[in-house]
């Protein structure tokens, strides 16, 4: 990671989808912080929950076939004015975003509770590792900078029910340096999800196209 980053982008894969290899892209805007009613301070505001169109039946049909699921989250930050940000992780970046993916047996409600707990830990400046067991890179490495990318290689049956992605903010100087009055700014981000299987005869693309006719639900 330190030497090569995430590697060389494949433009063909980024721009095209095949029957057994597809890419979903969402571009959204979110307000990371807002004022607290109690004391006039600031807290984390919005999170987005994506309920993805997912070829569940097709994945279940593949059973033990290995499938690769990659998630990439990209956004812009504003560096902290002056030199104050270099020694404080909460002062250099204006804000940060993180993504989470539901576990195979995790309900939507339990997933939201897990994200809320992660947000609360960040607000209390607690350093706690996130869900990393199934990820190849892991949160310790992928959360540096403002492009976060990681992938899972699991059986198709395991990934069949992993169709919920949460995007949420983490603390930055927009919230901590209130004198600069950036606390309620909005930020745009891109979320990219790719799904790939080596099985050439499977069609993951068509079921998703049919589901996309109904807009993806994004809850804030």
C-alpha atoms as a PDB file:
ATOM      1  CA  UNK A   1       0.000   0.000   0.000  1.00  0.00           C
ATOM      2  CA  UNK A   2       2.776   2.462   0.882  1.00  0.00           C
ATOM      3  CA  UNK A   3       4.672   1.787  -2.349  1.00  0.00           C
ATOM      4  CA  UNK A   4       1.952   1.143  -4.928  1.00  0.00           C
ATOM      5  CA  UNK A   5      -1.266   2.442  -3.373  1.00  0.00           C
ATOM      6  CA  UNK A   6      -4.254   0.620  -4.859  1.00  0.00           C
ATOM      7  CA  UNK A   7      -2.396  -0.296  -8.056  1.00  0.00           C
ATOM      8  CA  UNK A   8      -3.008   0.743 -11.667  1.00  0.00           C
ATOM      9  CA  UNK A   9      -6.630   1.536 -12.601  1.00  0.00           C
ATOM     10  CA  UNK A  10      -8.194  -0.614 -15.313  1.00  0.00           C
ATOM     11  CA  UNK A  11     -10.146   1.826 -17.495  1.00  0.00           C
ATOM     12  CA  UNK A  12     -12.000  -0.952 -19.311  1.00  0.00           C
ATOM     13  CA  UNK A  13     -13.345  -2.418 -16.087  1.00  0.00           C
ATOM     14  CA  UNK A  14     -14.239   1.035 -14.802  1.00  0.00           C
ATOM     15  CA  UNK A  15     -16.310   1.923 -17.876  1.00  0.00           C
ATOM     16  CA  UNK A  16     -17.942  -1.387 -18.773  1.00  0.00           C
ATOM     17  CA  UNK A  17     -19.927  -4.198 -17.236  1.00  0.00           C
ATOM     18  CA  UNK A  18     -19.937  -7.829 -18.371  1.00  0.00           C
ATOM     19  CA  UNK A  19     -22.442 -10.512 -17.511  1.00  0.00           C
ATOM     20  CA  UNK A  20     -20.121 -11.888 -14.825  1.00  0.00           C
ATOM     21  CA  UNK A  21     -18.413  -8.610 -13.882  1.00  0.00           C
ATOM     22  CA  UNK A  22     -20.275  -5.407 -13.126  1.00  0.00           C
ATOM     23  CA  UNK A  23     -19.829  -2.010 -11.532  1.00  0.00           C
ATOM     24  CA  UNK A  24     -22.345   0.171  -9.673  1.00  0.00           C
ATOM     25  CA  UNK A  25     -21.613   3.874  -9.127  1.00  0.00           C
ATOM     26  CA  UNK A  26     -23.415   6.356  -6.856  1.00  0.00           C
ATOM     27  CA  UNK A  27     -22.591  10.055  -6.520  1.00  0.00           C
ATOM     28  CA  UNK A  28     -24.180  11.796  -3.562  1.00  0.00           C
ATOM     29  CA  UNK A  29     -23.953  14.823  -1.277  1.00  0.00           C
ATOM     30  CA  UNK A  30     -23.994  14.690   2.506  1.00  0.00           C
ATOM     31  CA  UNK A  31     -23.805  17.171   5.381  1.00  0.00           C
ATOM     32  CA  UNK A  32     -21.295  15.697   7.849  1.00  0.00           C
ATOM     33  CA  UNK A  33     -22.041  17.875  10.907  1.00  0.00           C
ATOM     34  CA  UNK A  34     -24.775  19.916  12.568  1.00  0.00           C
ATOM     35  CA  UNK A  35     -25.368  21.871  15.783  1.00  0.00           C
ATOM     36  CA  UNK A  36     -26.348  20.099  18.999  1.00  0.00           C
ATOM     37  CA  UNK A  37     -29.510  21.389  20.658  1.00  0.00           C
ATOM     38  CA  UNK A  38     -28.247  20.917  24.205  1.00  0.00           C
ATOM     39  CA  UNK A  39     -25.100  23.009  24.426  1.00  0.00           C
ATOM     40  CA  UNK A  40     -24.716  24.655  21.034  1.00  0.00           C
ATOM     41  CA  UNK A  41     -21.765  22.424  20.097  1.00  0.00           C
ATOM     42  CA  UNK A  42     -21.579  20.283  16.973  1.00  0.00           C
ATOM     43  CA  UNK A  43     -22.076  16.602  16.249  1.00  0.00           C
ATOM     44  CA  UNK A  44     -22.144  14.190  13.302  1.00  0.00           C
ATOM     45  CA  UNK A  45     -25.299  14.653  11.238  1.00  0.00           C
ATOM     46  CA  UNK A  46     -26.132  12.451   8.253  1.00  0.00           C
ATOM     47  CA  UNK A  47     -25.299   8.936   7.165  1.00  0.00           C
ATOM     48  CA  UNK A  48     -26.436   7.285   3.951  1.00  0.00           C
ATOM     49  CA  UNK A  49     -27.703   3.723   3.748  1.00  0.00           C
ATOM     50  CA  UNK A  50     -27.662   2.124   0.289  1.00  0.00           C
ATOM     51  CA  UNK A  51     -29.969  -0.820  -0.338  1.00  0.00           C
ATOM     52  CA  UNK A  52     -28.287  -2.113  -3.480  1.00  0.00           C
ATOM     53  CA  UNK A  53     -29.995  -3.918  -6.341  1.00  0.00           C
ATOM     54  CA  UNK A  54     -28.466  -7.344  -5.822  1.00  0.00           C
ATOM     55  CA  UNK A  55     -28.597 -10.602  -7.853  1.00  0.00           C
ATOM     56  CA  UNK A  56     -29.276 -12.665  -4.745  1.00  0.00           C
ATOM     57  CA  UNK A  57     -30.803 -15.698  -6.443  1.00  0.00           C
ATOM     58  CA  UNK A  58     -27.998 -15.877  -9.003  1.00  0.00           C
ATOM     59  CA  UNK A  59     -25.348 -15.685  -6.287  1.00  0.00           C
ATOM     60  CA  UNK A  60     -27.048 -18.350  -4.199  1.00  0.00           C
ATOM     61  CA  UNK A  61     -27.097 -20.533  -7.300  1.00  0.00           C
ATOM     62  CA  UNK A  62     -23.300 -20.273  -7.513  1.00  0.00           C
ATOM     63  CA  UNK A  63     -22.977 -21.661  -3.979  1.00  0.00           C
ATOM     64  CA  UNK A  64     -19.307 -22.192  -3.117  1.00  0.00           C
ATOM     65  CA  UNK A  65     -17.973 -20.324  -6.177  1.00  0.00           C
ATOM     66  CA  UNK A  66     -15.582 -17.529  -5.060  1.00  0.00           C
ATOM     67  CA  UNK A  67     -16.827 -14.001  -5.815  1.00  0.00           C
ATOM     68  CA  UNK A  68     -14.875 -10.761  -5.482  1.00  0.00           C
ATOM     69  CA  UNK A  69     -16.680  -7.719  -4.082  1.00  0.00           C
ATOM     70  CA  UNK A  70     -14.804  -4.403  -4.079  1.00  0.00           C
ATOM     71  CA  UNK A  71     -16.000  -1.123  -2.547  1.00  0.00           C
ATOM     72  CA  UNK A  72     -14.324   2.231  -3.200  1.00  0.00           C
ATOM     73  CA  UNK A  73     -15.275   5.504  -1.514  1.00  0.00           C
ATOM     74  CA  UNK A  74     -13.810   8.745  -2.897  1.00  0.00           C
ATOM     75  CA  UNK A  75     -14.288  12.362  -1.758  1.00  0.00           C
ATOM     76  CA  UNK A  76     -12.457  15.679  -1.465  1.00  0.00           C
ATOM     77  CA  UNK A  77     -11.196  17.194   1.783  1.00  0.00           C
ATOM     78  CA  UNK A  78     -10.031  20.696   2.618  1.00  0.00           C
ATOM     79  CA  UNK A  79      -6.627  20.702   4.372  1.00  0.00           C
ATOM     80  CA  UNK A  80      -6.509  22.556   7.683  1.00  0.00           C
ATOM     81  CA  UNK A  81      -5.439  26.202   7.264  1.00  0.00           C
ATOM     82  CA  UNK A  82      -1.951  26.906   8.550  1.00  0.00           C
ATOM     83  CA  UNK A  83       0.350  24.362  10.152  1.00  0.00           C
ATOM     84  CA  UNK A  84      -2.005  23.384  12.966  1.00  0.00           C
ATOM     85  CA  UNK A  85      -3.193  20.265  11.193  1.00  0.00           C
ATOM     86  CA  UNK A  86       0.074  18.389  10.902  1.00  0.00           C
ATOM     87  CA  UNK A  87       0.141  16.921  14.414  1.00  0.00           C
ATOM     88  CA  UNK A  88      -3.583  16.400  15.004  1.00  0.00           C
ATOM     89  CA  UNK A  89      -5.490  13.816  12.942  1.00  0.00           C
ATOM     90  CA  UNK A  90      -8.719  15.781  13.503  1.00  0.00           C
ATOM     91  CA  UNK A  91      -7.245  19.109  12.345  1.00  0.00           C
ATOM     92  CA  UNK A  92      -5.682  18.399   8.940  1.00  0.00           C
ATOM     93  CA  UNK A  93      -8.707  17.012   7.076  1.00  0.00           C
ATOM     94  CA  UNK A  94     -11.920  19.050   7.012  1.00  0.00           C
ATOM     95  CA  UNK A  95     -13.897  15.829   7.496  1.00  0.00           C
ATOM     96  CA  UNK A  96     -13.717  12.169   6.613  1.00  0.00           C
ATOM     97  CA  UNK A  97     -16.092   9.484   5.385  1.00  0.00           C
ATOM     98  CA  UNK A  98     -16.166   5.759   6.065  1.00  0.00           C
ATOM     99  CA  UNK A  99     -18.080   2.861   4.557  1.00  0.00           C
ATOM    100  CA  UNK A 100     -19.431  -0.307   6.120  1.00  0.00           C
ATOM    101  CA  UNK A 101     -20.975  -3.434   4.558  1.00  0.00           C
ATOM    102  CA  UNK A 102     -23.509  -5.618   6.310  1.00  0.00           C
ATOM    103  CA  UNK A 103     -22.501  -9.135   7.333  1.00  0.00           C
ATOM    104  CA  UNK A 104     -24.271 -12.141   5.745  1.00  0.00           C
ATOM    105  CA  UNK A 105     -26.516 -12.756   8.769  1.00  0.00           C
ATOM    106  CA  UNK A 106     -26.859  -9.105   9.860  1.00  0.00           C
ATOM    107  CA  UNK A 107     -30.296  -7.480   9.663  1.00  0.00           C
ATOM    108  CA  UNK A 108     -30.744  -3.923   8.405  1.00  0.00           C
ATOM    109  CA  UNK A 109     -31.587  -2.737  11.932  1.00  0.00           C
ATOM    110  CA  UNK A 110     -28.512  -4.384  13.478  1.00  0.00           C
ATOM    111  CA  UNK A 111     -26.373  -2.923  10.691  1.00  0.00           C
ATOM    112  CA  UNK A 112     -27.608   0.610  11.404  1.00  0.00           C
ATOM    113  CA  UNK A 113     -26.922   0.143  15.111  1.00  0.00           C
ATOM    114  CA  UNK A 114     -23.348  -0.934  14.308  1.00  0.00           C
ATOM    115  CA  UNK A 115     -22.789   2.201  12.198  1.00  0.00           C
ATOM    116  CA  UNK A 116     -24.261   4.438  14.907  1.00  0.00           C
ATOM    117  CA  UNK A 117     -21.876   2.857  17.423  1.00  0.00           C
ATOM    118  CA  UNK A 118     -18.927   3.580  15.086  1.00  0.00           C
ATOM    119  CA  UNK A 119     -20.015   7.225  14.786  1.00  0.00           C
ATOM    120  CA  UNK A 120     -20.296   7.570  18.562  1.00  0.00           C
ATOM    121  CA  UNK A 121     -16.813   6.101  19.054  1.00  0.00           C
ATOM    122  CA  UNK A 122     -15.381   8.625  16.614  1.00  0.00           C
ATOM    123  CA  UNK A 123     -17.131  11.527  18.354  1.00  0.00           C
ATOM    124  CA  UNK A 124     -15.546  10.413  21.625  1.00  0.00           C
ATOM    125  CA  UNK A 125     -12.112  10.117  19.902  1.00  0.00           C
ATOM    126  CA  UNK A 126     -11.861   6.414  20.671  1.00  0.00           C
ATOM    127  CA  UNK A 127      -9.573   4.356  18.474  1.00  0.00           C
ATOM    128  CA  UNK A 128     -11.489   1.133  17.824  1.00  0.00           C
ATOM    129  CA  UNK A 129     -10.932  -1.242  14.925  1.00  0.00           C
ATOM    130  CA  UNK A 130     -13.902  -1.738  12.625  1.00  0.00           C
ATOM    131  CA  UNK A 131     -15.093  -4.897  10.901  1.00  0.00           C
ATOM    132  CA  UNK A 132     -11.817  -6.118   9.287  1.00  0.00           C
ATOM    133  CA  UNK A 133     -11.786  -9.927   9.432  1.00  0.00           C
ATOM    134  CA  UNK A 134     -13.231 -10.467   5.967  1.00  0.00           C
ATOM    135  CA  UNK A 135     -11.519  -7.526   4.242  1.00  0.00           C
ATOM    136  CA  UNK A 136      -8.219  -7.959   2.393  1.00  0.00           C
ATOM    137  CA  UNK A 137      -6.721  -4.531   3.190  1.00  0.00           C
ATOM    138  CA  UNK A 138      -8.531  -3.745   6.442  1.00  0.00           C
ATOM    139  CA  UNK A 139      -9.596  -0.460   7.996  1.00  0.00           C
ATOM    140  CA  UNK A 140      -6.173   0.310   9.507  1.00  0.00           C
ATOM    141  CA  UNK A 141      -4.740   0.804   6.010  1.00  0.00           C
ATOM    142  CA  UNK A 142      -7.688   1.760   3.821  1.00  0.00           C
ATOM    143  CA  UNK A 143      -8.795   4.726   5.952  1.00  0.00           C
ATOM    144  CA  UNK A 144      -5.777   6.879   5.163  1.00  0.00           C
ATOM    145  CA  UNK A 145      -6.341   9.807   2.796  1.00  0.00           C
ATOM    146  CA  UNK A 146      -9.648  10.431   1.045  1.00  0.00           C
ATOM    147  CA  UNK A 147      -9.871   7.379  -1.234  1.00  0.00           C
ATOM    148  CA  UNK A 148     -10.809   4.220   0.634  1.00  0.00           C
ATOM    149  CA  UNK A 149     -10.898   0.946  -1.268  1.00  0.00           C
ATOM    150  CA  UNK A 150     -11.052  -2.642  -0.088  1.00  0.00           C
ATOM    151  CA  UNK A 151     -12.280  -6.003  -1.317  1.00  0.00           C
ATOM    152  CA  UNK A 152     -13.706  -9.287  -0.105  1.00  0.00           C
ATOM    153  CA  UNK A 153     -13.211 -12.677  -1.741  1.00  0.00           C
ATOM    154  CA  UNK A 154     -15.831 -15.023  -0.337  1.00  0.00           C
ATOM    155  CA  UNK A 155     -18.252 -17.640  -1.575  1.00  0.00           C
ATOM    156  CA  UNK A 156     -21.153 -16.396  -3.648  1.00  0.00           C
ATOM    157  CA  UNK A 157     -23.538 -17.726  -0.992  1.00  0.00           C
ATOM    158  CA  UNK A 158     -21.848 -15.534   1.655  1.00  0.00           C
ATOM    159  CA  UNK A 159     -22.030 -12.402  -0.508  1.00  0.00           C
ATOM    160  CA  UNK A 160     -25.612 -13.037  -1.643  1.00  0.00           C
ATOM    161  CA  UNK A 161     -27.106 -11.145   1.319  1.00  0.00           C
ATOM    162  CA  UNK A 162     -24.418  -8.422   1.592  1.00  0.00           C
ATOM    163  CA  UNK A 163     -26.331  -5.686  -0.203  1.00  0.00           C
ATOM    164  CA  UNK A 164     -26.388  -2.913   2.421  1.00  0.00           C
ATOM    165  CA  UNK A 165     -23.676  -0.242   2.463  1.00  0.00           C
ATOM    166  CA  UNK A 166     -23.508   2.594   4.969  1.00  0.00           C
ATOM    167  CA  UNK A 167     -21.540   5.810   4.364  1.00  0.00           C
ATOM    168  CA  UNK A 168     -21.012   8.028   7.412  1.00  0.00           C
ATOM    169  CA  UNK A 169     -18.835  11.015   8.476  1.00  0.00           C
ATOM    170  CA  UNK A 170     -15.935  11.155  10.912  1.00  0.00           C
ATOM    171  CA  UNK A 171     -14.529  14.136  12.767  1.00  0.00           C
ATOM    172  CA  UNK A 172     -12.432  16.816  11.051  1.00  0.00           C
ATOM    173  CA  UNK A 173     -11.612  20.504  11.471  1.00  0.00           C
ATOM    174  CA  UNK A 174     -14.911  21.603   9.950  1.00  0.00           C
ATOM    175  CA  UNK A 175     -16.438  20.486  13.246  1.00  0.00           C
ATOM    176  CA  UNK A 176     -13.601  21.103  15.675  1.00  0.00           C
ATOM    177  CA  UNK A 177     -12.544  24.615  14.610  1.00  0.00           C
ATOM    178  CA  UNK A 178     -15.886  26.328  15.074  1.00  0.00           C
ATOM    179  CA  UNK A 179     -14.380  29.811  14.793  1.00  0.00           C
ATOM    180  CA  UNK A 180     -13.902  29.218  11.042  1.00  0.00           C
ATOM    181  CA  UNK A 181     -17.677  28.633  10.579  1.00  0.00           C
ATOM    182  CA  UNK A 182     -17.452  25.628   8.254  1.00  0.00           C
ATOM    183  CA  UNK A 183     -19.499  23.386  10.563  1.00  0.00           C
ATOM    184  CA  UNK A 184     -22.562  22.949   8.350  1.00  0.00           C
ATOM    185  CA  UNK A 185     -20.957  22.648   4.917  1.00  0.00           C
ATOM    186  CA  UNK A 186     -21.918  19.787   2.588  1.00  0.00           C
ATOM    187  CA  UNK A 187     -19.562  17.431   0.805  1.00  0.00           C
ATOM    188  CA  UNK A 188     -19.897  15.258  -2.286  1.00  0.00           C
ATOM    189  CA  UNK A 189     -18.632  11.707  -2.594  1.00  0.00           C
ATOM    190  CA  UNK A 190     -18.557   8.823  -5.051  1.00  0.00           C
ATOM    191  CA  UNK A 191     -19.243   5.225  -4.062  1.00  0.00           C
ATOM    192  CA  UNK A 192     -18.169   2.459  -6.464  1.00  0.00           C
ATOM    193  CA  UNK A 193     -19.146  -1.191  -6.005  1.00  0.00           C
ATOM    194  CA  UNK A 194     -17.809  -3.923  -8.284  1.00  0.00           C
ATOM    195  CA  UNK A 195     -18.839  -7.574  -8.290  1.00  0.00           C
ATOM    196  CA  UNK A 196     -16.916 -10.203 -10.208  1.00  0.00           C
ATOM    197  CA  UNK A 197     -16.974 -13.972 -10.596  1.00  0.00           C
ATOM    198  CA  UNK A 198     -14.775 -16.249 -12.674  1.00  0.00           C
ATOM    199  CA  UNK A 199     -17.837 -18.221 -13.772  1.00  0.00           C
ATOM    200  CA  UNK A 200     -18.381 -17.153 -17.400  1.00  0.00           C
ATOM    201  CA  UNK A 201     -21.863 -18.613 -17.825  1.00  0.00           C
ATOM    202  CA  UNK A 202     -23.506 -16.703 -14.958  1.00  0.00           C
ATOM    203  CA  UNK A 203     -25.443 -13.511 -15.712  1.00  0.00           C
ATOM    204  CA  UNK A 204     -25.240 -11.041 -12.824  1.00  0.00           C
ATOM    205  CA  UNK A 205     -25.746  -8.009 -15.045  1.00  0.00           C
ATOM    206  CA  UNK A 206     -29.314  -8.538 -16.327  1.00  0.00           C
ATOM    207  CA  UNK A 207     -30.955  -9.075 -12.897  1.00  0.00           C
ATOM    208  CA  UNK A 208     -29.385  -5.848 -11.617  1.00  0.00           C
ATOM    209  CA  UNK A 209     -30.461  -3.886 -14.710  1.00  0.00           C
ATOM    210  CA  UNK A 210     -34.031  -5.043 -14.098  1.00  0.00           C
ATOM    211  CA  UNK A 211     -33.842  -3.970 -10.446  1.00  0.00           C
ATOM    212  CA  UNK A 212     -32.301  -0.590 -11.294  1.00  0.00           C
ATOM    213  CA  UNK A 213     -35.503   0.328 -13.115  1.00  0.00           C
ATOM    214  CA  UNK A 214     -36.696   0.953  -9.573  1.00  0.00           C
ATOM    215  CA  UNK A 215     -34.411   3.673  -8.069  1.00  0.00           C
ATOM    216  CA  UNK A 216     -31.916   2.612  -5.399  1.00  0.00           C
ATOM    217  CA  UNK A 217     -33.164   3.535  -1.938  1.00  0.00           C
ATOM    218  CA  UNK A 218     -30.842   5.933  -0.079  1.00  0.00           C
ATOM    219  CA  UNK A 219     -31.843   6.681   3.505  1.00  0.00           C
ATOM    220  CA  UNK A 220     -30.291   9.548   5.471  1.00  0.00           C
END
